[in-house]
Amino acid sequence: MTNRERLPNQSQTEFLTPAGAAAELHITARTIRAWIACGRLRAVRTDPGRGGRLLVRRSDVLALLLPVQAGGAA
């Protein structure tokens, strides 16, 4: 998929699994994977050639909350 890229040389604490991202947003991991598949949320694989772990940036997950919080504050 075009929305996946190699894991950059950054700390693992900046990344979440789909289950961890789902917990942050109070939704299911299946929804997170669907968002990755449709391009709404970017993801990286730790070892693309061997089906490594799928991870999303914590900042990308938290950015999904911004429109909701801004709309709810009005």
N, C-alpha and C. Protein backbone atom coordinates (compact mmCIF):
# COMPACT_ATOMS: atom_id res chain seq x y z
N MET A 1 0.83 -1.19 0.00
CA MET A 1 0.00 0.00 0.00
C MET A 1 0.87 1.25 0.00
N THR A 2 0.36 2.29 -0.56
CA THR A 2 1.14 3.50 -0.67
C THR A 2 1.21 4.28 0.63
N ASN A 3 0.32 4.02 1.58
CA ASN A 3 0.32 4.77 2.83
C ASN A 3 1.23 4.14 3.88
N ARG A 4 1.95 3.10 3.51
CA ARG A 4 2.88 2.48 4.45
C ARG A 4 4.29 2.82 4.02
N GLU A 5 5.15 2.98 4.98
CA GLU A 5 6.55 3.30 4.70
C GLU A 5 7.42 2.57 5.70
N ARG A 6 8.71 2.58 5.46
CA ARG A 6 9.63 1.92 6.39
C ARG A 6 9.68 2.69 7.70
N LEU A 7 9.87 1.95 8.78
CA LEU A 7 9.95 2.54 10.11
C LEU A 7 11.18 3.42 10.21
N PRO A 8 11.01 4.71 10.51
CA PRO A 8 12.17 5.60 10.64
C PRO A 8 12.96 5.28 11.90
N ASN A 9 14.17 5.81 11.96
CA ASN A 9 15.02 5.59 13.13
C ASN A 9 14.61 6.53 14.25
N GLN A 10 13.48 6.25 14.85
CA GLN A 10 12.97 7.05 15.96
C GLN A 10 12.62 6.10 17.10
N SER A 11 12.41 6.65 18.24
CA SER A 11 12.08 5.85 19.42
C SER A 11 10.76 5.10 19.21
N GLN A 12 10.72 3.85 19.65
CA GLN A 12 9.51 3.04 19.54
C GLN A 12 8.36 3.62 20.36
N THR A 13 8.65 4.44 21.35
CA THR A 13 7.59 4.99 22.20
C THR A 13 6.72 5.99 21.44
N GLU A 14 7.16 6.45 20.28
CA GLU A 14 6.38 7.38 19.48
C GLU A 14 5.37 6.66 18.60
N PHE A 15 5.35 5.33 18.67
CA PHE A 15 4.48 4.53 17.81
C PHE A 15 3.53 3.68 18.65
N LEU A 16 2.38 3.39 18.06
CA LEU A 16 1.38 2.54 18.71
C LEU A 16 0.99 1.41 17.77
N THR A 17 0.62 0.29 18.32
CA THR A 17 0.02 -0.79 17.53
C THR A 17 -1.40 -0.37 17.20
N PRO A 18 -2.05 -1.03 16.25
CA PRO A 18 -3.46 -0.72 16.00
C PRO A 18 -4.33 -0.86 17.25
N ALA A 19 -4.04 -1.84 18.08
CA ALA A 19 -4.80 -2.01 19.32
C ALA A 19 -4.56 -0.84 20.28
N GLY A 20 -3.31 -0.38 20.36
CA GLY A 20 -2.99 0.76 21.23
C GLY A 20 -3.62 2.04 20.73
N ALA A 21 -3.61 2.23 19.42
CA ALA A 21 -4.24 3.41 18.83
C ALA A 21 -5.74 3.38 19.06
N ALA A 22 -6.33 2.20 18.92
CA ALA A 22 -7.77 2.05 19.14
C ALA A 22 -8.13 2.39 20.59
N ALA A 23 -7.30 1.97 21.52
CA ALA A 23 -7.55 2.27 22.93
C ALA A 23 -7.50 3.77 23.18
N GLU A 24 -6.56 4.47 22.54
CA GLU A 24 -6.45 5.92 22.69
C GLU A 24 -7.71 6.63 22.21
N LEU A 25 -8.32 6.11 21.14
CA LEU A 25 -9.47 6.76 20.52
C LEU A 25 -10.81 6.16 20.96
N HIS A 26 -10.77 5.10 21.77
CA HIS A 26 -11.98 4.42 22.24
C HIS A 26 -12.79 3.87 21.08
N ILE A 27 -12.09 3.22 20.14
CA ILE A 27 -12.71 2.55 19.00
C ILE A 27 -12.07 1.18 18.88
N THR A 28 -12.43 0.42 17.85
CA THR A 28 -11.86 -0.92 17.69
C THR A 28 -10.59 -0.89 16.84
N ALA A 29 -9.76 -1.90 17.04
CA ALA A 29 -8.55 -2.04 16.23
C ALA A 29 -8.93 -2.28 14.77
N ARG A 30 -10.06 -2.90 14.55
CA ARG A 30 -10.53 -3.13 13.17
C ARG A 30 -10.76 -1.80 12.46
N THR A 31 -11.31 -0.82 13.17
CA THR A 31 -11.51 0.51 12.59
C THR A 31 -10.18 1.16 12.25
N ILE A 32 -9.20 1.03 13.14
CA ILE A 32 -7.87 1.58 12.87
C ILE A 32 -7.29 0.95 11.61
N ARG A 33 -7.38 -0.37 11.49
CA ARG A 33 -6.85 -1.04 10.30
C ARG A 33 -7.60 -0.61 9.04
N ALA A 34 -8.89 -0.37 9.14
CA ALA A 34 -9.67 0.12 7.99
C ALA A 34 -9.21 1.52 7.60
N TRP A 35 -8.95 2.38 8.59
CA TRP A 35 -8.47 3.73 8.31
C TRP A 35 -7.09 3.69 7.65
N ILE A 36 -6.26 2.74 8.06
CA ILE A 36 -4.94 2.57 7.43
C ILE A 36 -5.14 2.14 5.97
N ALA A 37 -6.01 1.19 5.75
CA ALA A 37 -6.25 0.66 4.40
C ALA A 37 -6.78 1.73 3.44
N CYS A 38 -7.62 2.64 3.95
CA CYS A 38 -8.20 3.66 3.07
C CYS A 38 -7.36 4.93 3.01
N GLY A 39 -6.29 5.00 3.80
CA GLY A 39 -5.39 6.15 3.74
C GLY A 39 -5.69 7.26 4.73
N ARG A 40 -6.67 7.07 5.58
CA ARG A 40 -7.00 8.11 6.57
C ARG A 40 -5.92 8.20 7.67
N LEU A 41 -5.25 7.08 7.91
CA LEU A 41 -4.21 7.03 8.94
C LEU A 41 -2.99 6.34 8.34
N ARG A 42 -1.84 6.97 8.47
CA ARG A 42 -0.60 6.39 7.93
C ARG A 42 -0.05 5.35 8.90
N ALA A 43 0.61 4.34 8.34
CA ALA A 43 1.19 3.27 9.15
C ALA A 43 2.54 2.87 8.59
N VAL A 44 3.34 2.23 9.42
CA VAL A 44 4.63 1.69 9.01
C VAL A 44 4.69 0.23 9.44
N ARG A 45 5.49 -0.54 8.71
CA ARG A 45 5.76 -1.93 9.09
C ARG A 45 7.21 -2.02 9.55
N THR A 46 7.44 -2.74 10.63
CA THR A 46 8.80 -2.86 11.16
C THR A 46 9.69 -3.68 10.25
N ASP A 47 9.13 -4.66 9.56
CA ASP A 47 9.89 -5.51 8.63
C ASP A 47 8.97 -5.87 7.47
N PRO A 48 8.85 -4.97 6.48
CA PRO A 48 7.87 -5.16 5.40
C PRO A 48 8.01 -6.48 4.65
N GLY A 49 9.21 -6.97 4.48
CA GLY A 49 9.43 -8.20 3.74
C GLY A 49 8.96 -9.45 4.46
N ARG A 50 8.80 -9.36 5.76
CA ARG A 50 8.43 -10.54 6.55
C ARG A 50 7.11 -10.34 7.30
N GLY A 51 6.33 -9.38 6.89
CA GLY A 51 5.04 -9.16 7.56
C GLY A 51 5.19 -8.67 8.98
N GLY A 52 6.13 -7.76 9.22
CA GLY A 52 6.41 -7.26 10.56
C GLY A 52 5.23 -6.53 11.19
N ARG A 53 5.46 -6.02 12.37
CA ARG A 53 4.41 -5.33 13.12
C ARG A 53 3.96 -4.07 12.41
N LEU A 54 2.68 -3.82 12.44
CA LEU A 54 2.09 -2.62 11.89
C LEU A 54 2.01 -1.60 13.01
N LEU A 55 2.55 -0.40 12.77
CA LEU A 55 2.57 0.65 13.79
C LEU A 55 2.09 1.97 13.20
N VAL A 56 1.49 2.79 14.05
CA VAL A 56 1.07 4.13 13.65
C VAL A 56 1.71 5.14 14.59
N ARG A 57 1.98 6.31 14.08
CA ARG A 57 2.57 7.36 14.92
C ARG A 57 1.54 7.87 15.92
N ARG A 58 1.96 8.01 17.15
CA ARG A 58 1.07 8.52 18.19
C ARG A 58 0.55 9.91 17.82
N SER A 59 1.40 10.75 17.24
CA SER A 59 0.99 12.11 16.86
C SER A 59 -0.10 12.07 15.79
N ASP A 60 -0.04 11.10 14.86
CA ASP A 60 -1.08 10.97 13.84
C ASP A 60 -2.41 10.55 14.47
N VAL A 61 -2.34 9.68 15.46
CA VAL A 61 -3.55 9.24 16.16
C VAL A 61 -4.17 10.41 16.92
N LEU A 62 -3.35 11.16 17.63
CA LEU A 62 -3.86 12.29 18.40
C LEU A 62 -4.39 13.40 17.50
N ALA A 63 -3.82 13.52 16.30
CA ALA A 63 -4.30 14.54 15.35
C ALA A 63 -5.74 14.25 14.90
N LEU A 64 -6.13 12.99 14.94
CA LEU A 64 -7.50 12.63 14.58
C LEU A 64 -8.50 13.19 15.58
N LEU A 65 -8.06 13.47 16.78
CA LEU A 65 -8.94 14.02 17.82
C LEU A 65 -9.17 15.52 17.68
N LEU A 66 -8.25 16.22 17.05
CA LEU A 66 -8.33 17.68 16.99
C LEU A 66 -9.62 18.20 16.39
N PRO A 67 -10.08 17.71 15.24
CA PRO A 67 -11.34 18.23 14.68
C PRO A 67 -12.53 17.99 15.60
N VAL A 68 -12.54 16.86 16.29
CA VAL A 68 -13.64 16.54 17.19
C VAL A 68 -13.62 17.49 18.39
N GLN A 69 -12.45 17.72 18.98
CA GLN A 69 -12.35 18.59 20.14
C GLN A 69 -12.68 20.03 19.76
N ALA A 70 -12.22 20.48 18.62
CA ALA A 70 -12.49 21.86 18.20
C ALA A 70 -13.99 22.04 17.95
N GLY A 71 -14.63 21.04 17.33
CA GLY A 71 -16.05 21.13 17.06
C GLY A 71 -16.89 21.02 18.32
N GLY A 72 -16.41 20.25 19.28
CA GLY A 72 -17.16 20.06 20.53
C GLY A 72 -17.04 21.24 21.48
N ALA A 73 -16.01 22.07 21.30
CA ALA A 73 -15.78 23.20 22.21
C ALA A 73 -16.71 24.36 21.91
N ALA A 74 -17.28 24.40 20.72
CA ALA A 74 -18.15 25.53 20.33
C ALA A 74 -19.49 25.48 20.97
